[in-house]
N, C-alpha and C. Protein backbone atom coordinates (compact mmCIF):
# COMPACT_ATOMS: atom_id res chain seq x y z
N MET A 1 11.60 74.91 -12.04
CA MET A 1 11.60 75.43 -10.70
C MET A 1 10.42 76.38 -10.54
N TRP A 2 9.76 76.33 -9.43
CA TRP A 2 8.59 77.17 -9.16
C TRP A 2 9.04 78.50 -8.59
N TYR A 3 8.39 79.58 -9.00
CA TYR A 3 8.73 80.91 -8.50
C TYR A 3 7.45 81.73 -8.40
N ASN A 4 7.29 82.44 -7.29
CA ASN A 4 6.12 83.27 -7.06
C ASN A 4 6.58 84.71 -6.91
N LYS A 5 6.15 85.59 -7.82
CA LYS A 5 6.56 87.00 -7.78
C LYS A 5 6.20 87.68 -6.47
N ASP A 6 5.09 87.26 -5.85
CA ASP A 6 4.66 87.87 -4.59
C ASP A 6 5.62 87.58 -3.45
N MET A 7 6.45 86.55 -3.60
CA MET A 7 7.40 86.18 -2.55
C MET A 7 8.72 86.95 -2.68
N ALA A 8 8.87 87.74 -3.72
CA ALA A 8 10.15 88.38 -4.02
C ALA A 8 10.67 89.25 -2.88
N ASN A 9 9.80 89.92 -2.16
CA ASN A 9 10.25 90.82 -1.10
C ASN A 9 10.13 90.21 0.29
N LYS A 10 9.73 88.98 0.37
CA LYS A 10 9.57 88.31 1.66
C LYS A 10 10.78 87.44 1.93
N GLU A 11 11.03 87.23 3.21
CA GLU A 11 12.14 86.36 3.59
C GLU A 11 11.81 84.92 3.20
N THR A 12 12.74 84.30 2.50
CA THR A 12 12.54 82.91 2.08
C THR A 12 13.73 82.08 2.53
N HIS A 13 13.55 80.80 2.51
CA HIS A 13 14.61 79.87 2.87
C HIS A 13 14.68 78.78 1.81
N ASN A 14 14.75 79.19 0.56
CA ASN A 14 14.79 78.25 -0.54
C ASN A 14 16.16 77.59 -0.64
N GLN A 15 16.14 76.36 -1.12
CA GLN A 15 17.37 75.60 -1.30
C GLN A 15 17.39 75.02 -2.70
N ALA A 16 18.58 74.84 -3.25
CA ALA A 16 18.75 74.21 -4.55
C ALA A 16 19.63 72.98 -4.39
N PHE A 17 19.32 71.95 -5.15
CA PHE A 17 20.08 70.71 -5.13
C PHE A 17 20.52 70.43 -6.56
N VAL A 18 21.82 70.53 -6.80
CA VAL A 18 22.37 70.39 -8.15
C VAL A 18 23.09 69.06 -8.26
N ASP A 19 22.70 68.26 -9.23
CA ASP A 19 23.41 67.02 -9.54
C ASP A 19 24.54 67.41 -10.48
N GLY A 20 25.75 67.47 -9.94
CA GLY A 20 26.90 67.96 -10.71
C GLY A 20 27.18 67.16 -11.96
N GLN A 21 27.03 65.86 -11.90
CA GLN A 21 27.29 65.01 -13.07
C GLN A 21 26.30 65.31 -14.19
N ASN A 22 25.02 65.42 -13.84
CA ASN A 22 24.02 65.74 -14.86
C ASN A 22 24.24 67.13 -15.44
N LEU A 23 24.55 68.10 -14.61
CA LEU A 23 24.81 69.45 -15.09
C LEU A 23 25.98 69.44 -16.07
N TYR A 24 27.07 68.80 -15.68
CA TYR A 24 28.26 68.77 -16.52
C TYR A 24 28.02 68.04 -17.84
N MET A 25 27.46 66.85 -17.77
CA MET A 25 27.28 66.04 -18.98
C MET A 25 26.29 66.67 -19.95
N ASN A 26 25.19 67.22 -19.44
CA ASN A 26 24.19 67.81 -20.34
C ASN A 26 24.65 69.11 -20.97
N THR A 27 25.40 69.91 -20.24
CA THR A 27 25.90 71.14 -20.85
C THR A 27 27.05 70.84 -21.80
N LYS A 28 27.87 69.88 -21.47
CA LYS A 28 28.98 69.48 -22.35
C LYS A 28 28.44 68.96 -23.68
N ALA A 29 27.35 68.19 -23.63
CA ALA A 29 26.75 67.64 -24.85
C ALA A 29 26.25 68.76 -25.77
N SER A 30 25.94 69.91 -25.20
CA SER A 30 25.47 71.06 -25.99
C SER A 30 26.58 72.06 -26.26
N ASN A 31 27.82 71.65 -25.93
CA ASN A 31 28.99 72.54 -26.09
C ASN A 31 28.87 73.82 -25.27
N TRP A 32 28.27 73.72 -24.11
CA TRP A 32 28.17 74.84 -23.18
C TRP A 32 29.16 74.63 -22.06
N VAL A 33 29.56 75.74 -21.45
CA VAL A 33 30.36 75.70 -20.23
C VAL A 33 29.63 76.56 -19.21
N VAL A 34 29.39 76.01 -18.03
CA VAL A 34 28.66 76.73 -16.99
C VAL A 34 29.64 77.52 -16.14
N ASP A 35 29.40 78.81 -16.02
CA ASP A 35 30.15 79.65 -15.09
C ASP A 35 29.44 79.48 -13.74
N LEU A 36 30.05 78.72 -12.84
CA LEU A 36 29.39 78.39 -11.58
C LEU A 36 29.10 79.61 -10.71
N LYS A 37 29.98 80.61 -10.74
CA LYS A 37 29.72 81.82 -9.95
C LYS A 37 28.47 82.53 -10.45
N LYS A 38 28.36 82.66 -11.77
CA LYS A 38 27.18 83.31 -12.35
C LYS A 38 25.92 82.48 -12.12
N PHE A 39 26.06 81.16 -12.20
CA PHE A 39 24.93 80.27 -11.95
C PHE A 39 24.44 80.41 -10.52
N ARG A 40 25.37 80.51 -9.57
CA ARG A 40 24.99 80.66 -8.15
C ARG A 40 24.30 82.00 -7.91
N ILE A 41 24.81 83.05 -8.54
CA ILE A 41 24.18 84.38 -8.44
C ILE A 41 22.77 84.34 -9.04
N TYR A 42 22.64 83.68 -10.18
CA TYR A 42 21.32 83.54 -10.81
C TYR A 42 20.34 82.84 -9.87
N LEU A 43 20.77 81.76 -9.25
CA LEU A 43 19.89 81.05 -8.32
C LEU A 43 19.46 81.95 -7.16
N LYS A 44 20.39 82.74 -6.67
CA LYS A 44 20.08 83.64 -5.55
C LYS A 44 19.13 84.74 -5.99
N ASP A 45 19.44 85.39 -7.10
CA ASP A 45 18.64 86.53 -7.56
C ASP A 45 17.26 86.11 -8.09
N GLN A 46 17.22 85.07 -8.88
CA GLN A 46 15.97 84.67 -9.54
C GLN A 46 15.05 83.88 -8.62
N TYR A 47 15.63 83.00 -7.79
CA TYR A 47 14.82 82.09 -6.99
C TYR A 47 15.03 82.24 -5.48
N HIS A 48 15.80 83.23 -5.07
CA HIS A 48 16.04 83.51 -3.65
C HIS A 48 16.59 82.28 -2.92
N ILE A 49 17.56 81.63 -3.53
CA ILE A 49 18.17 80.44 -2.97
C ILE A 49 19.16 80.84 -1.89
N ASP A 50 18.90 80.41 -0.66
CA ASP A 50 19.82 80.67 0.44
C ASP A 50 20.98 79.69 0.44
N LYS A 51 20.66 78.41 0.26
CA LYS A 51 21.67 77.36 0.26
C LYS A 51 21.57 76.58 -1.04
N ALA A 52 22.72 76.38 -1.68
CA ALA A 52 22.74 75.60 -2.91
C ALA A 52 23.74 74.46 -2.73
N TYR A 53 23.23 73.26 -2.82
CA TYR A 53 24.05 72.06 -2.64
C TYR A 53 24.44 71.52 -4.01
N TYR A 54 25.70 71.14 -4.13
CA TYR A 54 26.23 70.61 -5.38
C TYR A 54 26.72 69.19 -5.09
N PHE A 55 26.03 68.21 -5.65
CA PHE A 55 26.32 66.80 -5.37
C PHE A 55 27.24 66.21 -6.43
N LEU A 56 28.25 65.49 -5.97
CA LEU A 56 29.15 64.74 -6.84
C LEU A 56 29.22 63.31 -6.35
N GLY A 57 29.55 62.40 -7.25
CA GLY A 57 29.51 60.98 -6.94
C GLY A 57 30.66 60.46 -6.12
N ALA A 58 31.84 61.00 -6.26
CA ALA A 58 32.99 60.43 -5.56
C ALA A 58 34.10 61.45 -5.47
N VAL A 59 34.96 61.27 -4.49
CA VAL A 59 36.11 62.15 -4.32
C VAL A 59 37.26 61.60 -5.17
N ASP A 60 37.91 62.50 -5.90
CA ASP A 60 39.07 62.14 -6.71
C ASP A 60 40.15 63.19 -6.43
N ASP A 61 41.28 62.75 -5.92
CA ASP A 61 42.36 63.68 -5.57
C ASP A 61 42.80 64.55 -6.74
N ASN A 62 42.60 64.08 -7.96
CA ASN A 62 42.99 64.84 -9.15
C ASN A 62 42.04 66.00 -9.44
N ASN A 63 40.93 66.08 -8.74
CA ASN A 63 39.93 67.13 -9.00
C ASN A 63 39.85 68.19 -7.91
N GLN A 64 40.89 68.33 -7.10
CA GLN A 64 40.84 69.30 -6.00
C GLN A 64 40.55 70.72 -6.47
N SER A 65 41.10 71.12 -7.61
CA SER A 65 40.85 72.48 -8.11
C SER A 65 39.38 72.66 -8.49
N LEU A 66 38.76 71.61 -9.01
CA LEU A 66 37.32 71.67 -9.32
C LEU A 66 36.51 71.83 -8.04
N TYR A 67 36.84 71.07 -7.02
CA TYR A 67 36.12 71.14 -5.76
C TYR A 67 36.23 72.53 -5.14
N GLU A 68 37.41 73.11 -5.23
CA GLU A 68 37.62 74.47 -4.71
C GLU A 68 36.80 75.48 -5.51
N LEU A 69 36.76 75.32 -6.83
CA LEU A 69 35.99 76.22 -7.69
C LEU A 69 34.50 76.17 -7.34
N ILE A 70 33.98 74.99 -7.13
CA ILE A 70 32.56 74.82 -6.78
C ILE A 70 32.26 75.53 -5.46
N GLN A 71 33.13 75.35 -4.47
CA GLN A 71 32.91 75.98 -3.16
C GLN A 71 33.10 77.49 -3.22
N GLU A 72 34.08 77.95 -3.97
CA GLU A 72 34.30 79.39 -4.11
C GLU A 72 33.13 80.07 -4.81
N ALA A 73 32.42 79.33 -5.65
CA ALA A 73 31.25 79.87 -6.34
C ALA A 73 30.06 80.02 -5.39
N GLY A 74 30.15 79.41 -4.20
CA GLY A 74 29.09 79.55 -3.22
C GLY A 74 28.22 78.33 -3.01
N PHE A 75 28.64 77.20 -3.58
CA PHE A 75 27.89 75.96 -3.40
C PHE A 75 28.42 75.19 -2.20
N ILE A 76 27.56 74.44 -1.57
CA ILE A 76 27.94 73.51 -0.52
C ILE A 76 28.18 72.17 -1.21
N LEU A 77 29.39 71.71 -1.17
CA LEU A 77 29.78 70.52 -1.91
C LEU A 77 29.50 69.27 -1.08
N ILE A 78 28.74 68.34 -1.66
CA ILE A 78 28.38 67.09 -1.00
C ILE A 78 28.85 65.94 -1.89
N PHE A 79 29.60 65.03 -1.31
CA PHE A 79 30.04 63.84 -2.04
C PHE A 79 29.14 62.68 -1.65
N ARG A 80 28.72 61.93 -2.66
CA ARG A 80 27.86 60.78 -2.43
C ARG A 80 28.59 59.52 -2.88
N GLU A 81 28.58 58.53 -2.02
CA GLU A 81 29.15 57.24 -2.39
C GLU A 81 28.24 56.58 -3.42
N HIS A 82 28.82 55.82 -4.30
CA HIS A 82 28.02 55.08 -5.27
C HIS A 82 27.30 53.94 -4.55
N SER A 83 26.08 53.70 -4.93
CA SER A 83 25.30 52.62 -4.37
C SER A 83 25.96 51.28 -4.70
N GLN A 84 25.94 50.35 -3.76
CA GLN A 84 26.50 49.02 -4.00
C GLN A 84 25.80 48.34 -5.17
N ALA A 85 24.54 48.64 -5.40
CA ALA A 85 23.80 48.06 -6.52
C ALA A 85 24.32 48.56 -7.86
N MET A 86 25.04 49.69 -7.84
CA MET A 86 25.52 50.29 -9.08
C MET A 86 27.00 50.05 -9.32
N VAL A 87 27.67 49.34 -8.47
CA VAL A 87 29.10 49.09 -8.63
C VAL A 87 29.34 48.41 -9.97
N GLY A 88 30.29 48.94 -10.72
CA GLY A 88 30.62 48.39 -12.04
C GLY A 88 29.80 49.00 -13.16
N LYS A 89 28.82 49.83 -12.83
CA LYS A 89 28.01 50.51 -13.84
C LYS A 89 28.43 51.96 -13.90
N LYS A 90 28.08 52.65 -14.98
CA LYS A 90 28.52 54.03 -15.16
C LYS A 90 27.85 55.00 -14.20
N LYS A 91 26.56 54.84 -13.96
CA LYS A 91 25.83 55.84 -13.19
C LYS A 91 25.85 55.52 -11.71
N GLY A 92 26.12 56.53 -10.90
CA GLY A 92 26.06 56.38 -9.46
C GLY A 92 24.65 56.57 -8.96
N ASN A 93 24.49 56.80 -7.70
CA ASN A 93 23.18 56.92 -7.09
C ASN A 93 23.02 58.30 -6.47
N VAL A 94 23.62 59.31 -7.08
CA VAL A 94 23.62 60.65 -6.51
C VAL A 94 22.22 61.24 -6.50
N ASP A 95 21.53 61.20 -7.61
CA ASP A 95 20.28 61.91 -7.71
C ASP A 95 19.12 61.27 -6.95
N THR A 96 19.13 59.99 -6.72
CA THR A 96 17.98 59.36 -6.07
C THR A 96 18.00 59.51 -4.56
N ASP A 97 19.16 59.61 -3.94
CA ASP A 97 19.23 59.69 -2.49
C ASP A 97 19.53 61.08 -1.95
N SER A 98 19.94 62.00 -2.78
CA SER A 98 20.43 63.29 -2.32
C SER A 98 19.39 64.07 -1.53
N PHE A 99 18.21 64.21 -2.06
CA PHE A 99 17.19 65.00 -1.36
C PHE A 99 16.77 64.29 -0.08
N HIS A 100 16.57 63.02 -0.15
CA HIS A 100 16.11 62.26 1.02
C HIS A 100 17.08 62.41 2.19
N ASP A 101 18.38 62.29 1.91
CA ASP A 101 19.36 62.31 2.97
C ASP A 101 19.67 63.72 3.49
N HIS A 102 19.61 64.72 2.62
CA HIS A 102 20.06 66.05 3.00
C HIS A 102 18.98 67.10 3.05
N GLY A 103 17.95 66.96 2.23
CA GLY A 103 16.95 68.01 2.09
C GLY A 103 16.21 68.35 3.36
N LYS A 104 15.88 67.37 4.15
CA LYS A 104 15.08 67.65 5.34
C LYS A 104 15.91 68.19 6.50
N ASN A 105 17.23 68.04 6.43
CA ASN A 105 18.08 68.48 7.53
C ASN A 105 18.92 69.70 7.20
N CYS A 106 18.75 70.27 6.03
CA CYS A 106 19.61 71.38 5.60
C CYS A 106 19.14 72.70 6.17
């Protein structure tokens, strides 16, 4: 992520786009657990992030507590449908379309 010290005291409108699946899988592989509240504070303090979007691939009724946790931490939760080209495969299409669909209108 790019950061300019000279911008620290100026009004900014930075946004972050988090691929929830990648964040979860990569930290789990390293035996880490991400404290989402602290992560959101870090994004705000270090990079002056006004809006932080957290993308997930699909809605699952069994994960309501996770969805609430993400929103309570200060993220805007966005669900992305899996691409028809990816049906039956493990990986969805969250990371390739997220910025295109949401970044310019956020």
